[in-house]
Amino acid sequence: MADTLDDTAVTERLRDLPAWDRDGEAIRRRVTAPSFLTGIDVVADVARAAEDADHHPDIDIRWRTLTFTLSTHSAGGLTGKDFGLAAVIDEIAARHGAE
């Protein structure tokens, strides 16, 4: 099991991920895709990356708006795995032109 990060570490790591916000024991980002189908492509790429990382976000799809929420439930909070996957999600979103 991964170790949870303390508040200071979470704050520091969020500096490198300006599109993400803390929500209790999770981090969250909302992106808007250029189209609904592009949004689905973003979700599919994130799903593949999540499988590779063995770490799975909660994903909410509302037309072109996607919300990703990350937390390491098995650890009871935020870990390095959450921030690693958040950076990958940022790369995927950018590659698809989602903001």
PDB file of N, CA and C in Angstrom:
ATOM      1  N   MET A   1       0.842  -1.178   0.000  1.00  0.00           N
ATOM      2  CA  MET A   1       0.000   0.000   0.000  1.00  0.00           C
ATOM      3  C   MET A   1       0.889   1.244   0.000  1.00  0.00           C
ATOM      4  N   ALA A   2       0.483   2.248  -0.758  1.00  0.00           N
ATOM      5  CA  ALA A   2       1.226   3.496  -0.850  1.00  0.00           C
ATOM      6  C   ALA A   2       0.967   4.357   0.390  1.00  0.00           C
ATOM      7  N   ASP A   3       1.966   5.146   0.749  1.00  0.00           N
ATOM      8  CA  ASP A   3       1.820   6.053   1.892  1.00  0.00           C
ATOM      9  C   ASP A   3       1.065   7.305   1.472  1.00  0.00           C
ATOM     10  N   THR A   4       0.168   7.758   2.340  1.00  0.00           N
ATOM     11  CA  THR A   4      -0.547   8.993   2.047  1.00  0.00           C
ATOM     12  C   THR A   4       0.387  10.185   2.238  1.00  0.00           C
ATOM     13  N   LEU A   5       0.089  11.239   1.505  1.00  0.00           N
ATOM     14  CA  LEU A   5       0.874  12.462   1.573  1.00  0.00           C
ATOM     15  C   LEU A   5       0.247  13.407   2.596  1.00  0.00           C
ATOM     16  N   ASP A   6       1.092  14.126   3.323  1.00  0.00           N
ATOM     17  CA  ASP A   6       0.556  15.099   4.267  1.00  0.00           C
ATOM     18  C   ASP A   6       0.133  16.359   3.516  1.00  0.00           C
ATOM     19  N   ASP A   7      -0.513  17.278   4.226  1.00  0.00           N
ATOM     20  CA  ASP A   7      -1.046  18.488   3.593  1.00  0.00           C
ATOM     21  C   ASP A   7       0.032  19.297   2.882  1.00  0.00           C
ATOM     22  N   THR A   8       1.210  19.397   3.467  1.00  0.00           N
ATOM     23  CA  THR A   8       2.297  20.161   2.856  1.00  0.00           C
ATOM     24  C   THR A   8       2.712  19.529   1.544  1.00  0.00           C
ATOM     25  N   ALA A   9       2.866  18.221   1.517  1.00  0.00           N
ATOM     26  CA  ALA A   9       3.267  17.522   0.291  1.00  0.00           C
ATOM     27  C   ALA A   9       2.200  17.651  -0.788  1.00  0.00           C
ATOM     28  N   VAL A  10       0.939  17.567  -0.394  1.00  0.00           N
ATOM     29  CA  VAL A  10      -0.155  17.716  -1.366  1.00  0.00           C
ATOM     30  C   VAL A  10      -0.112  19.114  -1.972  1.00  0.00           C
ATOM     31  N   THR A  11       0.035  20.136  -1.143  1.00  0.00           N
ATOM     32  CA  THR A  11       0.099  21.511  -1.618  1.00  0.00           C
ATOM     33  C   THR A  11       1.265  21.699  -2.584  1.00  0.00           C
ATOM     34  N   GLU A  12       2.423  21.137  -2.247  1.00  0.00           N
ATOM     35  CA  GLU A  12       3.599  21.252  -3.112  1.00  0.00           C
ATOM     36  C   GLU A  12       3.360  20.571  -4.454  1.00  0.00           C
ATOM     37  N   ARG A  13       2.799  19.391  -4.440  1.00  0.00           N
ATOM     38  CA  ARG A  13       2.564  18.664  -5.692  1.00  0.00           C
ATOM     39  C   ARG A  13       1.506  19.330  -6.550  1.00  0.00           C
ATOM     40  N   LEU A  14       0.537  19.964  -5.937  1.00  0.00           N
ATOM     41  CA  LEU A  14      -0.489  20.668  -6.706  1.00  0.00           C
ATOM     42  C   LEU A  14       0.085  21.873  -7.447  1.00  0.00           C
ATOM     43  N   ARG A  15       1.190  22.413  -6.977  1.00  0.00           N
ATOM     44  CA  ARG A  15       1.833  23.529  -7.681  1.00  0.00           C
ATOM     45  C   ARG A  15       2.252  23.116  -9.084  1.00  0.00           C
ATOM     46  N   ASP A  16       2.605  21.857  -9.255  1.00  0.00           N
ATOM     47  CA  ASP A  16       3.006  21.346 -10.567  1.00  0.00           C
ATOM     48  C   ASP A  16       1.817  20.941 -11.426  1.00  0.00           C
ATOM     49  N   LEU A  17       0.623  20.972 -10.859  1.00  0.00           N
ATOM     50  CA  LEU A  17      -0.603  20.580 -11.559  1.00  0.00           C
ATOM     51  C   LEU A  17      -1.656  21.670 -11.371  1.00  0.00           C
ATOM     52  N   PRO A  18      -1.463  22.840 -11.995  1.00  0.00           N
ATOM     53  CA  PRO A  18      -2.336  23.982 -11.711  1.00  0.00           C
ATOM     54  C   PRO A  18      -3.804  23.793 -12.099  1.00  0.00           C
ATOM     55  N   ALA A  19      -4.104  22.845 -12.961  1.00  0.00           N
ATOM     56  CA  ALA A  19      -5.494  22.621 -13.360  1.00  0.00           C
ATOM     57  C   ALA A  19      -6.261  21.770 -12.351  1.00  0.00           C
ATOM     58  N   TRP A  20      -5.551  21.221 -11.368  1.00  0.00           N
ATOM     59  CA  TRP A  20      -6.163  20.325 -10.381  1.00  0.00           C
ATOM     60  C   TRP A  20      -6.411  21.067  -9.080  1.00  0.00           C
ATOM     61  N   ASP A  21      -7.501  20.698  -8.400  1.00  0.00           N
ATOM     62  CA  ASP A  21      -7.851  21.257  -7.091  1.00  0.00           C
ATOM     63  C   ASP A  21      -8.032  20.124  -6.096  1.00  0.00           C
ATOM     64  N   ARG A  22      -7.725  20.433  -4.866  1.00  0.00           N
ATOM     65  CA  ARG A  22      -7.959  19.455  -3.805  1.00  0.00           C
ATOM     66  C   ARG A  22      -9.417  19.518  -3.370  1.00  0.00           C
ATOM     67  N   ASP A  23      -9.968  18.343  -3.130  1.00  0.00           N
ATOM     68  CA  ASP A  23     -11.334  18.236  -2.609  1.00  0.00           C
ATOM     69  C   ASP A  23     -11.286  17.175  -1.520  1.00  0.00           C
ATOM     70  N   GLY A  24     -10.967  17.604  -0.308  1.00  0.00           N
ATOM     71  CA  GLY A  24     -10.825  16.664   0.803  1.00  0.00           C
ATOM     72  C   GLY A  24      -9.660  15.714   0.568  1.00  0.00           C
ATOM     73  N   GLU A  25      -9.955  14.430   0.510  1.00  0.00           N
ATOM     74  CA  GLU A  25      -8.922  13.413   0.314  1.00  0.00           C
ATOM     75  C   GLU A  25      -8.808  12.992  -1.148  1.00  0.00           C
ATOM     76  N   ALA A  26      -9.123  13.923  -2.051  1.00  0.00           N
ATOM     77  CA  ALA A  26      -9.043  13.656  -3.488  1.00  0.00           C
ATOM     78  C   ALA A  26      -8.551  14.915  -4.198  1.00  0.00           C
ATOM     79  N   ILE A  27      -8.123  14.728  -5.452  1.00  0.00           N
ATOM     80  CA  ILE A  27      -7.850  15.860  -6.328  1.00  0.00           C
ATOM     81  C   ILE A  27      -8.774  15.727  -7.532  1.00  0.00           C
ATOM     82  N   ARG A  28      -9.145  16.880  -8.086  1.00  0.00           N
ATOM     83  CA  ARG A  28     -10.155  16.880  -9.144  1.00  0.00           C
ATOM     84  C   ARG A  28      -9.768  17.875 -10.230  1.00  0.00           C
ATOM     85  N   ARG A  29     -10.052  17.471 -11.469  1.00  0.00           N
ATOM     86  CA  ARG A  29      -9.872  18.363 -12.607  1.00  0.00           C
ATOM     87  C   ARG A  29     -11.044  18.203 -13.558  1.00  0.00           C
ATOM     88  N   ARG A  30     -11.505  19.328 -14.076  1.00  0.00           N
ATOM     89  CA  ARG A  30     -12.560  19.335 -15.091  1.00  0.00           C
ATOM     90  C   ARG A  30     -11.932  19.812 -16.393  1.00  0.00           C
ATOM     91  N   VAL A  31     -12.212  19.115 -17.486  1.00  0.00           N
ATOM     92  CA  VAL A  31     -11.743  19.532 -18.802  1.00  0.00           C
ATOM     93  C   VAL A  31     -12.931  19.612 -19.751  1.00  0.00           C
ATOM     94  N   THR A  32     -12.810  20.493 -20.728  1.00  0.00           N
ATOM     95  CA  THR A  32     -13.810  20.599 -21.774  1.00  0.00           C
ATOM     96  C   THR A  32     -13.162  20.177 -23.081  1.00  0.00           C
ATOM     97  N   ALA A  33     -13.737  19.162 -23.700  1.00  0.00           N
ATOM     98  CA  ALA A  33     -13.227  18.645 -24.962  1.00  0.00           C
ATOM     99  C   ALA A  33     -13.838  19.435 -26.119  1.00  0.00           C
ATOM    100  N   PRO A  34     -13.167  19.448 -27.273  1.00  0.00           N
ATOM    101  CA  PRO A  34     -13.710  20.155 -28.427  1.00  0.00           C
ATOM    102  C   PRO A  34     -15.051  19.592 -28.923  1.00  0.00           C
ATOM    103  N   SER A  35     -15.281  18.307 -28.700  1.00  0.00           N
ATOM    104  CA  SER A  35     -16.540  17.678 -29.105  1.00  0.00           C
ATOM    105  C   SER A  35     -16.825  16.511 -28.169  1.00  0.00           C
ATOM    106  N   PHE A  36     -18.044  16.010 -28.224  1.00  0.00           N
ATOM    107  CA  PHE A  36     -18.399  14.865 -27.399  1.00  0.00           C
ATOM    108  C   PHE A  36     -17.521  13.664 -27.725  1.00  0.00           C
ATOM    109  N   LEU A  37     -17.350  13.372 -29.020  1.00  0.00           N
ATOM    110  CA  LEU A  37     -16.546  12.202 -29.400  1.00  0.00           C
ATOM    111  C   LEU A  37     -15.077  12.360 -29.000  1.00  0.00           C
ATOM    112  N   THR A  38     -14.562  13.564 -29.064  1.00  0.00           N
ATOM    113  CA  THR A  38     -13.193  13.793 -28.586  1.00  0.00           C
ATOM    114  C   THR A  38     -13.113  13.531 -27.092  1.00  0.00           C
ATOM    115  N   GLY A  39     -14.134  13.942 -26.361  1.00  0.00           N
ATOM    116  CA  GLY A  39     -14.176  13.660 -24.926  1.00  0.00           C
ATOM    117  C   GLY A  39     -14.140  12.164 -24.649  1.00  0.00           C
ATOM    118  N   ILE A  40     -14.864  11.406 -25.440  1.00  0.00           N
ATOM    119  CA  ILE A  40     -14.857   9.951 -25.270  1.00  0.00           C
ATOM    120  C   ILE A  40     -13.484   9.392 -25.595  1.00  0.00           C
ATOM    121  N   ASP A  41     -12.807   9.965 -26.595  1.00  0.00           N
ATOM    122  CA  ASP A  41     -11.432   9.538 -26.900  1.00  0.00           C
ATOM    123  C   ASP A  41     -10.499   9.834 -25.734  1.00  0.00           C
ATOM    124  N   VAL A  42     -10.672  10.987 -25.098  1.00  0.00           N
ATOM    125  CA  VAL A  42      -9.875  11.322 -23.912  1.00  0.00           C
ATOM    126  C   VAL A  42     -10.109  10.271 -22.832  1.00  0.00           C
ATOM    127  N   VAL A  43     -11.364   9.962 -22.571  1.00  0.00           N
ATOM    128  CA  VAL A  43     -11.694   8.972 -21.540  1.00  0.00           C
ATOM    129  C   VAL A  43     -11.077   7.619 -21.874  1.00  0.00           C
ATOM    130  N   ALA A  44     -11.144   7.212 -23.135  1.00  0.00           N
ATOM    131  CA  ALA A  44     -10.568   5.914 -23.531  1.00  0.00           C
ATOM    132  C   ALA A  44      -9.061   5.895 -23.298  1.00  0.00           C
ATOM    133  N   ASP A  45      -8.380   6.983 -23.646  1.00  0.00           N
ATOM    134  CA  ASP A  45      -6.929   7.041 -23.423  1.00  0.00           C
ATOM    135  C   ASP A  45      -6.592   7.069 -21.939  1.00  0.00           C
ATOM    136  N   VAL A  46      -7.378   7.793 -21.158  1.00  0.00           N
ATOM    137  CA  VAL A  46      -7.166   7.813 -19.705  1.00  0.00           C
ATOM    138  C   VAL A  46      -7.402   6.419 -19.132  1.00  0.00           C
ATOM    139  N   ALA A  47      -8.422   5.726 -19.610  1.00  0.00           N
ATOM    140  CA  ALA A  47      -8.715   4.373 -19.114  1.00  0.00           C
ATOM    141  C   ALA A  47      -7.529   3.445 -19.371  1.00  0.00           C
ATOM    142  N   ARG A  48      -6.934   3.551 -20.552  1.00  0.00           N
ATOM    143  CA  ARG A  48      -5.758   2.713 -20.863  1.00  0.00           C
ATOM    144  C   ARG A  48      -4.589   3.049 -19.940  1.00  0.00           C
ATOM    145  N   ALA A  49      -4.340   4.334 -19.740  1.00  0.00           N
ATOM    146  CA  ALA A  49      -3.252   4.756 -18.846  1.00  0.00           C
ATOM    147  C   ALA A  49      -3.522   4.305 -17.418  1.00  0.00           C
ATOM    148  N   ALA A  50      -4.774   4.376 -16.993  1.00  0.00           N
ATOM    149  CA  ALA A  50      -5.141   3.949 -15.638  1.00  0.00           C
ATOM    150  C   ALA A  50      -4.900   2.451 -15.468  1.00  0.00           C
ATOM    151  N   GLU A  51      -5.252   1.681 -16.473  1.00  0.00           N
ATOM    152  CA  GLU A  51      -4.999   0.229 -16.412  1.00  0.00           C
ATOM    153  C   GLU A  51      -3.503  -0.043 -16.308  1.00  0.00           C
ATOM    154  N   ASP A  52      -2.710   0.668 -17.116  1.00  0.00           N
ATOM    155  CA  ASP A  52      -1.252   0.488 -17.082  1.00  0.00           C
ATOM    156  C   ASP A  52      -0.686   0.826 -15.704  1.00  0.00           C
ATOM    157  N   ALA A  53      -1.260   1.852 -15.067  1.00  0.00           N
ATOM    158  CA  ALA A  53      -0.794   2.294 -13.746  1.00  0.00           C
ATOM    159  C   ALA A  53      -1.433   1.518 -12.604  1.00  0.00           C
ATOM    160  N   ASP A  54      -2.429   0.693 -12.912  1.00  0.00           N
ATOM    161  CA  ASP A  54      -3.216  -0.011 -11.900  1.00  0.00           C
ATOM    162  C   ASP A  54      -3.748   0.985 -10.862  1.00  0.00           C
ATOM    163  N   HIS A  55      -4.265   2.096 -11.389  1.00  0.00           N
ATOM    164  CA  HIS A  55      -4.808   3.163 -10.542  1.00  0.00           C
ATOM    165  C   HIS A  55      -5.913   3.830 -11.343  1.00  0.00           C
ATOM    166  N   HIS A  56      -7.123   3.843 -10.826  1.00  0.00           N
ATOM    167  CA  HIS A  56      -8.285   4.202 -11.631  1.00  0.00           C
ATOM    168  C   HIS A  56      -9.022   5.419 -11.077  1.00  0.00           C
ATOM    169  N   PRO A  57      -9.196   6.437 -11.928  1.00  0.00           N
ATOM    170  CA  PRO A  57      -9.920   7.632 -11.484  1.00  0.00           C
ATOM    171  C   PRO A  57     -11.427   7.429 -11.553  1.00  0.00           C
ATOM    172  N   ASP A  58     -12.134   8.249 -10.818  1.00  0.00           N
ATOM    173  CA  ASP A  58     -13.566   8.381 -11.032  1.00  0.00           C
ATOM    174  C   ASP A  58     -13.716   9.366 -12.191  1.00  0.00           C
ATOM    175  N   ILE A  59     -14.577   9.035 -13.142  1.00  0.00           N
ATOM    176  CA  ILE A  59     -14.755   9.875 -14.325  1.00  0.00           C
ATOM    177  C   ILE A  59     -16.239  10.183 -14.498  1.00  0.00           C
ATOM    178  N   ASP A  60     -16.538  11.470 -14.624  1.00  0.00           N
ATOM    179  CA  ASP A  60     -17.899  11.915 -14.876  1.00  0.00           C
ATOM    180  C   ASP A  60     -17.920  12.563 -16.261  1.00  0.00           C
ATOM    181  N   ILE A  61     -18.832  12.119 -17.119  1.00  0.00           N
ATOM    182  CA  ILE A  61     -18.944  12.640 -18.481  1.00  0.00           C
ATOM    183  C   ILE A  61     -20.269  13.382 -18.597  1.00  0.00           C
ATOM    184  N   ARG A  62     -20.189  14.647 -18.966  1.00  0.00           N
ATOM    185  CA  ARG A  62     -21.369  15.485 -19.193  1.00  0.00           C
ATOM    186  C   ARG A  62     -21.165  16.202 -20.523  1.00  0.00           C
ATOM    187  N   TRP A  63     -21.649  15.601 -21.593  1.00  0.00           N
ATOM    188  CA  TRP A  63     -21.487  16.084 -22.954  1.00  0.00           C
ATOM    189  C   TRP A  63     -20.000  16.282 -23.233  1.00  0.00           C
ATOM    190  N   ARG A  64     -19.492  17.507 -23.351  1.00  0.00           N
ATOM    191  CA  ARG A  64     -18.073  17.727 -23.641  1.00  0.00           C
ATOM    192  C   ARG A  64     -17.251  17.957 -22.369  1.00  0.00           C
ATOM    193  N   THR A  65     -17.901  17.978 -21.221  1.00  0.00           N
ATOM    194  CA  THR A  65     -17.211  18.246 -19.962  1.00  0.00           C
ATOM    195  C   THR A  65     -16.911  16.935 -19.245  1.00  0.00           C
ATOM    196  N   LEU A  66     -15.643  16.752 -18.943  1.00  0.00           N
ATOM    197  CA  LEU A  66     -15.173  15.551 -18.243  1.00  0.00           C
ATOM    198  C   LEU A  66     -14.606  15.975 -16.900  1.00  0.00           C
ATOM    199  N   THR A  67     -14.969  15.254 -15.855  1.00  0.00           N
ATOM    200  CA  THR A  67     -14.398  15.521 -14.541  1.00  0.00           C
ATOM    201  C   THR A  67     -13.683  14.266 -14.072  1.00  0.00           C
ATOM    202  N   PHE A  68     -12.418  14.442 -13.721  1.00  0.00           N
ATOM    203  CA  PHE A  68     -11.589  13.344 -13.226  1.00  0.00           C
ATOM    204  C   PHE A  68     -11.318  13.574 -11.743  1.00  0.00           C
ATOM    205  N   THR A  69     -11.536  12.542 -10.942  1.00  0.00           N
ATOM    206  CA  THR A  69     -11.278  12.609  -9.510  1.00  0.00           C
ATOM    207  C   THR A  69     -10.348  11.471  -9.145  1.00  0.00           C
ATOM    208  N   LEU A  70      -9.284  11.818  -8.431  1.00  0.00           N
ATOM    209  CA  LEU A  70      -8.282  10.833  -8.034  1.00  0.00           C
ATOM    210  C   LEU A  70      -8.105  10.798  -6.526  1.00  0.00           C
ATOM    211  N   SER A  71      -8.031   9.587  -5.996  1.00  0.00           N
ATOM    212  CA  SER A  71      -7.722   9.336  -4.596  1.00  0.00           C
ATOM    213  C   SER A  71      -7.282   7.886  -4.504  1.00  0.00           C
ATOM    214  N   THR A  72      -6.386   7.601  -3.594  1.00  0.00           N
ATOM    215  CA  THR A  72      -5.966   6.218  -3.399  1.00  0.00           C
ATOM    216  C   THR A  72      -6.810   5.644  -2.264  1.00  0.00           C
ATOM    217  N   HIS A  73      -7.921   5.036  -2.635  1.00  0.00           N
ATOM    218  CA  HIS A  73      -8.878   4.552  -1.639  1.00  0.00           C
ATOM    219  C   HIS A  73      -8.250   3.530  -0.691  1.00  0.00           C
ATOM    220  N   SER A  74      -7.378   2.675  -1.218  1.00  0.00           N
ATOM    221  CA  SER A  74      -6.761   1.641  -0.377  1.00  0.00           C
ATOM    222  C   SER A  74      -5.854   2.241   0.698  1.00  0.00           C
ATOM    223  N   ALA A  75      -5.348   3.460   0.449  1.00  0.00           N
ATOM    224  CA  ALA A  75      -4.492   4.132   1.425  1.00  0.00           C
ATOM    225  C   ALA A  75      -5.278   5.119   2.275  1.00  0.00           C
ATOM    226  N   GLY A  76      -6.502   5.420   1.875  1.00  0.00           N
ATOM    227  CA  GLY A  76      -7.318   6.355   2.632  1.00  0.00           C
ATOM    228  C   GLY A  76      -6.969   7.810   2.414  1.00  0.00           C
ATOM    229  N   GLY A  77      -6.436   8.129   1.236  1.00  0.00           N
ATOM    230  CA  GLY A  77      -6.099   9.522   0.955  1.00  0.00           C
ATOM    231  C   GLY A  77      -5.299   9.659  -0.317  1.00  0.00           C
ATOM    232  N   LEU A  78      -4.562  10.742  -0.403  1.00  0.00           N
ATOM    233  CA  LEU A  78      -3.782  11.054  -1.591  1.00  0.00           C
ATOM    234  C   LEU A  78      -2.376  10.490  -1.478  1.00  0.00           C
ATOM    235  N   THR A  79      -1.913   9.895  -2.574  1.00  0.00           N
ATOM    236  CA  THR A  79      -0.559   9.340  -2.640  1.00  0.00           C
ATOM    237  C   THR A  79       0.108   9.823  -3.924  1.00  0.00           C
ATOM    238  N   GLY A  80       1.355   9.465  -4.075  1.00  0.00           N
ATOM    239  CA  GLY A  80       2.084   9.796  -5.293  1.00  0.00           C
ATOM    240  C   GLY A  80       1.422   9.250  -6.540  1.00  0.00           C
ATOM    241  N   LYS A  81       0.716   8.126  -6.414  1.00  0.00           N
ATOM    242  CA  LYS A  81       0.029   7.544  -7.567  1.00  0.00           C
ATOM    243  C   LYS A  81      -1.010   8.504  -8.138  1.00  0.00           C
ATOM    244  N   ASP A  82      -1.679   9.238  -7.279  1.00  0.00           N
ATOM    245  CA  ASP A  82      -2.694  10.181  -7.738  1.00  0.00           C
ATOM    246  C   ASP A  82      -2.073  11.305  -8.558  1.00  0.00           C
ATOM    247  N   PHE A  83      -0.958  11.816  -8.103  1.00  0.00           N
ATOM    248  CA  PHE A  83      -0.313  12.913  -8.800  1.00  0.00           C
ATOM    249  C   PHE A  83       0.365  12.449 -10.087  1.00  0.00           C
ATOM    250  N   GLY A  84       0.874  11.232 -10.078  1.00  0.00           N
ATOM    251  CA  GLY A  84       1.443  10.670 -11.302  1.00  0.00           C
ATOM    252  C   GLY A  84       0.391  10.516 -12.383  1.00  0.00           C
ATOM    253  N   LEU A  85      -0.771   9.963 -12.026  1.00  0.00           N
ATOM    254  CA  LEU A  85      -1.833   9.791 -13.004  1.00  0.00           C
ATOM    255  C   LEU A  85      -2.426  11.134 -13.410  1.00  0.00           C
ATOM    256  N   ALA A  86      -2.489  12.086 -12.494  1.00  0.00           N
ATOM    257  CA  ALA A  86      -2.992  13.419 -12.836  1.00  0.00           C
ATOM    258  C   ALA A  86      -2.128  14.043 -13.937  1.00  0.00           C
ATOM    259  N   ALA A  87      -0.818  13.897 -13.838  1.00  0.00           N
ATOM    260  CA  ALA A  87       0.077  14.440 -14.866  1.00  0.00           C
ATOM    261  C   ALA A  87      -0.166  13.763 -16.212  1.00  0.00           C
ATOM    262  N   VAL A  88      -0.410  12.467 -16.191  1.00  0.00           N
ATOM    263  CA  VAL A  88      -0.708  11.742 -17.428  1.00  0.00           C
ATOM    264  C   VAL A  88      -2.028  12.218 -18.013  1.00  0.00           C
ATOM    265  N   ILE A  89      -3.037  12.419 -17.178  1.00  0.00           N
ATOM    266  CA  ILE A  89      -4.330  12.922 -17.644  1.00  0.00           C
ATOM    267  C   ILE A  89      -4.151  14.294 -18.289  1.00  0.00           C
ATOM    268  N   ASP A  90      -3.324  15.151 -17.696  1.00  0.00           N
ATOM    269  CA  ASP A  90      -3.051  16.459 -18.290  1.00  0.00           C
ATOM    270  C   ASP A  90      -2.472  16.310 -19.693  1.00  0.00           C
ATOM    271  N   GLU A  91      -1.520  15.396 -19.856  1.00  0.00           N
ATOM    272  CA  GLU A  91      -0.894  15.169 -21.164  1.00  0.00           C
ATOM    273  C   GLU A  91      -1.919  14.670 -22.179  1.00  0.00           C
ATOM    274  N   ILE A  92      -2.748  13.729 -21.762  1.00  0.00           N
ATOM    275  CA  ILE A  92      -3.769  13.177 -22.663  1.00  0.00           C
ATOM    276  C   ILE A  92      -4.755  14.257 -23.079  1.00  0.00           C
ATOM    277  N   ALA A  93      -5.235  15.039 -22.120  1.00  0.00           N
ATOM    278  CA  ALA A  93      -6.187  16.103 -22.428  1.00  0.00           C
ATOM    279  C   ALA A  93      -5.581  17.089 -23.427  1.00  0.00           C
ATOM    280  N   ALA A  94      -4.351  17.498 -23.189  1.00  0.00           N
ATOM    281  CA  ALA A  94      -3.686  18.447 -24.075  1.00  0.00           C
ATOM    282  C   ALA A  94      -3.526  17.876 -25.481  1.00  0.00           C
ATOM    283  N   ARG A  95      -3.177  16.616 -25.573  1.00  0.00           N
ATOM    284  CA  ARG A  95      -2.997  15.957 -26.875  1.00  0.00           C
ATOM    285  C   ARG A  95      -4.290  15.976 -27.695  1.00  0.00           C
ATOM    286  N   HIS A  96      -5.414  15.945 -27.010  1.00  0.00           N
ATOM    287  CA  HIS A  96      -6.722  15.938 -27.684  1.00  0.00           C
ATOM    288  C   HIS A  96      -7.331  17.342 -27.808  1.00  0.00           C
ATOM    289  N   GLY A  97      -6.617  18.359 -27.355  1.00  0.00           N
ATOM    290  CA  GLY A  97      -7.130  19.723 -27.441  1.00  0.00           C
ATOM    291  C   GLY A  97      -8.201  20.042 -26.420  1.00  0.00           C
ATOM    292  N   ALA A  98      -8.255  19.263 -25.354  1.00  0.00           N
ATOM    293  CA  ALA A  98      -9.217  19.515 -24.277  1.00  0.00           C
ATOM    294  C   ALA A  98      -8.596  20.498 -23.286  1.00  0.00           C
ATOM    295  N   GLU A  99      -9.388  21.437 -22.824  1.00  0.00           N
ATOM    296  CA  GLU A  99      -8.880  22.442 -21.880  1.00  0.00           C
ATOM    297  C   GLU A  99      -9.631  22.384 -20.570  1.00  0.00           C
TER     298      GLU A  99
END
